[in-house]
Amino acid sequence: MKTEIIDNIITAIAENEDIGKRADVFVSEAAGVTRSAAQTLLEKGAVTLNSKPCKKNAKMAQGDTVTIELPEPEMCEVAPEDIPLDIVYEDSDVIVVNKPSGMVVHPAPGHTTGTLVSALMYHCGDSLSDINGVIRPGIVHRIDRDTSGLLAVAKNNKAHLSLASQLEDHTLSRVYFTVVCGHLPESGTVTAPIARHPSDRQKMAVVQGGRHAVTHYEALEDLGQFTFAKMKLETGRTHQIRVHMAHIGHPIIGDPVYGRPTQFEKHHPALFDGQMLHAGELTFIHPATGEAVTVSAPLPKNFTDMLDFLRRGVQ
């Protein structure tokens, strides 16, 4: 699709690859918002298709013009906080930060302070995109609270739309490092749909009819009862790596939700400070220059301490 944004109006023109897409999916991709948020915009009449009211299940045809009127930013109750940021890249369009394990990305019930958003607001001032609203300024993608590593943040709406589009077409590449239980095969791919767990709504699960999800993995080092591995996301579903690894019988050690307590974890609880999952490499096409930007972040100390411990054969 081709997109243009003027003030709070997004105009998106469907191209060949968009033929047959539902309107809510198309709007989600065009505006860089969740599908449920896109449906809300459609229900409120904020979306037109070829200058006429648009239904969420309308199907796109090549050349269709969709206009999306984003709501005006609400008054923000999220306060900027002077929290140190590990910035690995920054210019006038994008900032990439290395988030520590334990930090929540944006405010949520029970986590209203100490978030990455509050730190970004302090550092960037008003220079953050507002497409995702006042609670998530600049946030295009997320990583879990207990996952460390790289997060690309948009400093304006044009950059936000570009990064969101790259997430959809997989030109934004994310590589994670992890330690999983058992002997992971040398390399492989997990293709399994993910949706909310049918009985535990706090969890995700592999569910027939869920959203398409693909994770590529490569074993880097055999650590006895565990494997140090690299994961590359092709899609970006909630908890994707954690769910997929648990699904194939190799849960991430230290994962409090999808993992299984091992004797090693029981015998060495002091080693565990969050799950062993780190977003270590990120590549994106710069929204202004069109050039590829690759950044990396070293494994955090708790991760390297764990690897050193396992390499000594203490299990």
Protein backbone atom coordinates (compact mmCIF):
# COMPACT_ATOMS: atom_id res chain seq x y z
CA MET A 1 0.00 0.00 0.00
CA LYS A 2 0.95 3.63 -0.42
CA THR A 3 0.29 5.89 2.57
CA GLU A 4 0.32 9.60 3.23
CA ILE A 5 -0.37 11.39 6.49
CA ILE A 6 -1.38 15.03 6.88
CA ASP A 7 -2.05 16.13 10.45
CA ASN A 8 -4.28 13.33 11.80
CA ILE A 9 -5.56 12.08 8.42
CA ILE A 10 -4.03 8.98 6.83
CA THR A 11 -4.70 8.24 3.17
CA ALA A 12 -3.82 4.72 2.03
CA ILE A 13 -4.08 3.36 -1.50
CA ALA A 14 -4.39 -0.41 -1.95
CA GLU A 15 -1.86 -2.08 -4.21
CA ASN A 16 -1.67 -5.54 -5.75
CA GLU A 17 -0.58 -7.25 -2.50
CA ASP A 18 -3.58 -5.77 -0.68
CA ILE A 19 -6.24 -7.27 -2.97
CA GLY A 20 -8.78 -9.22 -0.92
CA LYS A 21 -7.69 -7.91 2.48
CA ARG A 22 -10.46 -7.12 4.93
CA ALA A 23 -10.82 -3.43 5.68
CA ASP A 24 -9.98 -3.86 9.38
CA VAL A 25 -6.73 -5.63 8.47
CA PHE A 26 -5.88 -2.96 5.89
CA VAL A 27 -6.61 -0.13 8.34
CA SER A 28 -4.57 -1.86 11.04
CA GLU A 29 -1.56 -2.00 8.72
CA ALA A 30 -2.04 1.50 7.33
CA ALA A 31 -2.40 3.19 10.72
CA GLY A 32 0.06 1.00 12.62
CA VAL A 33 -2.53 0.04 15.23
CA THR A 34 -3.95 -3.24 16.49
CA ARG A 35 -6.78 -4.89 14.60
CA SER A 36 -9.19 -4.21 17.47
CA ALA A 37 -8.22 -0.53 17.42
CA ALA A 38 -8.79 -0.50 13.66
CA GLN A 39 -12.25 -2.01 14.15
CA THR A 40 -13.06 0.70 16.68
CA LEU A 41 -12.11 3.37 14.14
CA LEU A 42 -14.34 1.69 11.55
CA GLU A 43 -17.25 1.40 13.96
CA LYS A 44 -16.97 5.10 14.85
CA GLY A 45 -17.17 6.09 11.18
CA ALA A 46 -13.59 7.38 11.12
CA VAL A 47 -12.77 5.39 7.97
CA THR A 48 -14.00 5.85 4.42
CA LEU A 49 -13.49 3.63 1.39
CA ASN A 50 -13.48 5.56 -1.89
CA SER A 51 -15.17 8.47 -0.04
CA LYS A 52 -17.98 6.26 1.29
CA PRO A 53 -18.52 4.76 4.78
CA CYS A 54 -16.45 1.61 5.17
CA LYS A 55 -17.48 -1.66 6.81
CA LYS A 56 -14.86 -3.69 8.65
CA ASN A 57 -15.40 -6.77 6.46
CA ALA A 58 -15.18 -4.90 3.15
CA LYS A 59 -12.60 -6.43 0.81
CA MET A 60 -9.88 -4.32 -0.76
CA ALA A 61 -9.45 -3.98 -4.51
CA GLN A 62 -6.39 -2.58 -6.25
CA GLY A 63 -6.55 1.22 -6.35
CA ASP A 64 -9.04 1.55 -3.49
CA THR A 65 -8.48 4.70 -1.46
CA VAL A 66 -8.99 4.44 2.28
CA THR A 67 -9.04 7.56 4.44
CA ILE A 68 -8.53 7.20 8.18
CA GLU A 69 -9.20 10.03 10.59
CA LEU A 70 -7.23 9.42 13.75
CA PRO A 71 -8.67 10.73 17.02
CA GLU A 72 -7.10 13.82 18.48
CA PRO A 73 -4.58 12.96 21.21
CA GLU A 74 -6.17 12.78 24.63
CA MET A 75 -4.85 14.65 27.64
CA CYS A 76 -1.98 12.58 28.89
CA GLU A 77 -1.84 11.46 32.48
CA VAL A 78 1.40 9.59 31.95
CA ALA A 79 4.16 11.66 33.48
CA PRO A 80 7.68 11.90 32.05
CA GLU A 81 10.23 10.36 34.41
CA ASP A 82 13.98 10.89 34.51
CA ILE A 83 14.88 7.24 34.04
CA PRO A 84 18.23 6.43 32.38
CA LEU A 85 17.94 4.99 28.87
CA ASP A 86 20.47 2.78 27.10
CA ILE A 87 20.25 4.43 23.66
CA VAL A 88 21.97 2.53 20.85
CA TYR A 89 20.73 4.70 17.96
CA GLU A 90 18.99 8.06 17.64
CA ASP A 91 18.20 10.68 15.03
CA SER A 92 15.26 12.98 14.31
CA ASP A 93 13.03 10.10 13.14
CA VAL A 94 13.89 7.00 15.17
CA ILE A 95 15.32 6.14 18.55
CA VAL A 96 16.39 2.58 19.38
CA VAL A 97 16.77 1.67 23.04
CA ASN A 98 18.10 -1.39 24.82
CA LYS A 99 15.36 -2.11 27.37
CA PRO A 100 16.36 -3.87 30.58
CA SER A 101 14.52 -6.93 31.80
CA GLY A 102 11.83 -6.00 34.32
CA MET A 103 10.83 -2.71 32.67
CA VAL A 104 7.28 -2.43 31.29
CA VAL A 105 7.09 -0.78 27.86
CA HIS A 106 3.94 1.28 28.38
CA PRO A 107 1.54 1.98 31.28
CA ALA A 108 -0.95 -0.75 32.15
CA PRO A 109 -2.99 -1.67 35.21
CA GLY A 110 -0.54 -2.15 38.06
CA HIS A 111 2.31 -0.54 36.10
CA THR A 112 1.69 3.18 35.80
CA THR A 113 5.18 4.45 36.63
CA GLY A 114 8.72 3.43 35.78
CA THR A 115 7.77 2.51 32.22
CA LEU A 116 9.82 2.88 29.07
CA VAL A 117 7.22 5.35 27.77
CA SER A 118 7.74 7.62 30.79
CA ALA A 119 11.51 7.53 30.21
CA LEU A 120 11.06 8.28 26.50
CA MET A 121 8.72 11.19 27.23
CA TYR A 122 11.36 12.72 29.50
CA HIS A 123 14.14 12.21 26.95
CA CYS A 124 12.24 13.12 23.76
CA GLY A 125 9.69 15.66 24.99
CA ASP A 126 6.98 16.10 22.36
CA SER A 127 9.06 14.38 19.68
CA LEU A 128 7.20 11.04 19.65
CA SER A 129 4.53 9.77 17.27
CA ASP A 130 0.95 9.93 18.57
CA ILE A 131 -0.69 7.35 16.28
CA ASN A 132 -0.98 4.81 19.11
CA GLY A 133 -2.45 7.35 21.54
CA VAL A 134 -1.20 9.02 24.65
CA ILE A 135 -0.47 5.82 26.58
CA ARG A 136 1.86 4.47 23.89
CA PRO A 137 3.54 7.48 22.22
CA GLY A 138 6.16 6.36 19.74
CA ILE A 139 5.58 2.67 20.40
CA VAL A 140 5.43 0.63 17.18
CA HIS A 141 6.27 -2.80 18.60
CA ARG A 142 6.77 -4.19 22.09
CA ILE A 143 8.80 -6.72 24.00
CA ASP A 144 7.69 -8.40 27.22
CA ARG A 145 8.48 -6.91 30.61
CA ASP A 146 10.87 -9.75 31.45
CA THR A 147 12.54 -9.73 28.03
CA SER A 148 15.54 -7.45 27.52
CA GLY A 149 16.78 -5.88 24.35
CA LEU A 150 16.18 -3.63 21.39
CA LEU A 151 13.05 -1.63 20.68
CA ALA A 152 12.65 0.84 17.79
CA VAL A 153 10.56 3.89 18.67
CA ALA A 154 9.11 6.42 16.20
CA LYS A 155 9.71 10.11 16.83
CA ASN A 156 7.07 11.26 14.33
CA ASN A 157 4.01 9.83 12.56
CA LYS A 158 5.73 9.36 9.21
CA ALA A 159 8.41 7.21 10.85
CA HIS A 160 5.71 5.31 12.79
CA LEU A 161 3.84 4.39 9.61
CA SER A 162 7.05 3.31 7.92
CA LEU A 163 8.16 1.08 10.81
CA ALA A 164 4.66 -0.38 11.21
CA SER A 165 4.61 -1.23 7.50
CA GLN A 166 8.01 -2.90 7.83
CA LEU A 167 6.69 -5.03 10.66
CA GLU A 168 3.87 -6.21 8.41
CA ASP A 169 6.02 -7.00 5.37
CA HIS A 170 8.91 -8.43 7.46
CA THR A 171 11.53 -5.93 6.29
CA LEU A 172 12.03 -5.02 9.95
CA SER A 173 14.19 -7.90 11.14
CA ARG A 174 14.40 -8.95 14.80
CA VAL A 175 16.84 -11.50 16.18
CA TYR A 176 16.61 -12.82 19.73
CA PHE A 177 18.96 -14.92 21.85
CA THR A 178 17.70 -17.39 24.41
CA VAL A 179 18.46 -20.46 26.50
CA VAL A 180 15.91 -23.24 26.19
CA CYS A 181 15.40 -26.54 27.93
CA GLY A 182 16.66 -29.69 26.25
CA HIS A 183 18.70 -30.32 23.11
CA LEU A 184 17.28 -28.08 20.41
CA PRO A 185 17.81 -29.38 16.84
CA GLU A 186 20.54 -27.62 14.88
CA SER A 187 18.05 -25.40 13.06
CA GLY A 188 14.42 -25.31 12.12
CA THR A 189 11.21 -23.36 11.81
CA VAL A 190 8.08 -23.38 13.94
CA THR A 191 4.93 -22.50 12.02
CA ALA A 192 1.95 -22.61 14.37
CA PRO A 193 -1.01 -20.20 14.78
CA ILE A 194 -1.21 -18.22 18.04
CA ALA A 195 -4.26 -16.86 19.85
CA ARG A 196 -5.50 -16.32 23.40
CA HIS A 197 -5.44 -19.48 25.50
CA PRO A 198 -8.97 -20.95 25.42
CA SER A 199 -9.23 -21.25 29.21
CA ASP A 200 -6.56 -18.89 30.59
CA ARG A 201 -7.06 -15.44 29.07
CA GLN A 202 -3.79 -14.20 30.59
CA LYS A 203 -1.84 -16.52 28.32
CA MET A 204 -1.34 -17.11 24.62
CA ALA A 205 -1.30 -20.56 23.05
CA VAL A 206 -1.02 -22.44 19.78
CA VAL A 207 -4.66 -22.52 18.72
CA GLN A 208 -6.23 -23.78 15.52
CA GLY A 209 -7.58 -20.75 13.70
CA GLY A 210 -5.24 -18.38 15.52
CA ARG A 211 -3.05 -15.78 13.83
CA HIS A 212 -0.33 -17.05 11.51
CA ALA A 213 3.00 -17.15 13.35
CA VAL A 214 6.48 -18.22 12.20
CA THR A 215 9.69 -18.47 14.25
CA HIS A 216 13.06 -19.57 12.83
CA TYR A 217 15.63 -20.96 15.24
CA GLU A 218 19.28 -21.96 15.23
CA ALA A 219 21.11 -23.80 17.99
CA LEU A 220 24.33 -21.98 18.86
CA GLU A 221 25.73 -24.05 21.73
CA ASP A 222 24.94 -27.31 23.51
CA LEU A 223 24.85 -26.65 27.26
CA GLY A 224 24.08 -30.12 28.55
CA GLN A 225 20.42 -30.11 29.54
CA PHE A 226 19.96 -26.75 27.81
CA THR A 227 20.67 -25.05 24.47
CA PHE A 228 21.86 -21.52 23.76
CA ALA A 229 19.97 -20.50 20.63
CA LYS A 230 19.19 -17.70 18.19
CA MET A 231 15.61 -16.95 17.15
CA LYS A 232 14.46 -14.88 14.18
CA LEU A 233 10.88 -13.66 14.05
CA GLU A 234 9.06 -13.74 10.74
CA THR A 235 5.86 -12.57 12.43
CA GLY A 236 5.40 -10.73 15.72
CA ARG A 237 2.62 -12.25 17.77
CA THR A 238 2.29 -11.69 21.50
CA HIS A 239 4.70 -13.97 23.41
CA GLN A 240 5.51 -15.69 20.09
CA ILE A 241 8.96 -17.14 20.85
CA ARG A 242 7.92 -18.22 24.35
CA VAL A 243 4.77 -19.94 23.07
CA HIS A 244 6.46 -21.60 20.11
CA MET A 245 9.39 -22.95 22.12
CA ALA A 246 7.07 -24.35 24.78
CA HIS A 247 4.91 -25.84 22.02
CA ILE A 248 7.81 -27.89 20.61
CA GLY A 249 8.93 -29.00 24.07
CA HIS A 250 11.82 -26.56 24.57
CA PRO A 251 10.52 -23.82 26.88
CA ILE A 252 12.75 -20.89 27.77
CA ILE A 253 14.40 -21.28 31.15
CA GLY A 254 13.24 -18.73 33.67
CA ASP A 255 9.92 -18.21 31.86
CA PRO A 256 7.35 -17.92 34.68
CA VAL A 257 4.35 -18.44 32.39
CA TYR A 258 5.23 -20.95 29.67
CA GLY A 259 8.27 -22.60 31.24
CA ARG A 260 8.47 -25.61 33.46
CA PRO A 261 10.51 -25.45 36.68
CA THR A 262 13.63 -27.58 36.24
CA GLN A 263 15.82 -29.07 38.94
CA PHE A 264 18.48 -26.59 37.85
CA GLU A 265 16.17 -23.64 38.53
CA LYS A 266 15.16 -25.09 41.89
CA HIS A 267 18.80 -25.62 42.93
CA HIS A 268 20.08 -22.23 41.71
CA PRO A 269 17.26 -19.70 42.16
CA ALA A 270 19.70 -16.79 42.65
CA LEU A 271 20.75 -17.06 38.98
CA PHE A 272 17.30 -16.19 37.67
CA ASP A 273 16.56 -12.53 37.13
CA GLY A 274 13.95 -12.70 34.38
CA GLN A 275 13.60 -15.17 31.55
CA MET A 276 16.58 -15.89 29.32
CA LEU A 277 15.32 -14.00 26.27
CA HIS A 278 17.13 -11.01 24.75
CA ALA A 279 16.33 -9.00 21.61
CA GLY A 280 19.91 -8.62 20.46
CA GLU A 281 19.77 -7.52 16.82
CA LEU A 282 17.45 -5.19 14.91
CA THR A 283 17.48 -4.13 11.25
CA PHE A 284 15.10 -1.61 9.70
CA ILE A 285 14.84 0.58 6.62
CA HIS A 286 15.28 4.19 7.68
CA PRO A 287 12.00 6.07 7.10
CA ALA A 288 13.76 9.15 5.68
CA THR A 289 16.85 7.84 3.88
CA GLY A 290 15.59 4.44 2.71
CA GLU A 291 18.87 2.88 3.86
CA ALA A 292 19.13 -0.23 6.02
CA VAL A 293 20.11 0.39 9.65
CA THR A 294 21.38 -2.49 11.77
CA VAL A 295 21.92 -2.19 15.51
CA SER A 296 22.86 -4.70 18.19
CA ALA A 297 22.90 -4.95 21.96
CA PRO A 298 25.16 -7.27 23.97
CA LEU A 299 23.71 -9.93 26.21
CA PRO A 300 22.90 -8.52 29.66
CA LYS A 301 24.98 -9.58 32.67
CA ASN A 302 22.36 -11.98 34.07
CA PHE A 303 22.36 -13.77 30.72
CA THR A 304 26.14 -14.04 30.43
CA ASP A 305 26.39 -15.14 34.07
CA MET A 306 23.92 -17.92 33.30
CA LEU A 307 25.87 -19.03 30.23
CA ASP A 308 29.15 -19.05 32.15
CA PHE A 309 27.57 -21.11 34.89
CA LEU A 310 26.16 -23.66 32.44
CA ARG A 311 29.44 -23.85 30.51
CA ARG A 312 31.14 -24.98 33.71
CA GLY A 313 28.83 -27.98 33.64
CA VAL A 314 27.06 -27.13 36.89
CA GLN A 315 23.54 -28.48 36.41
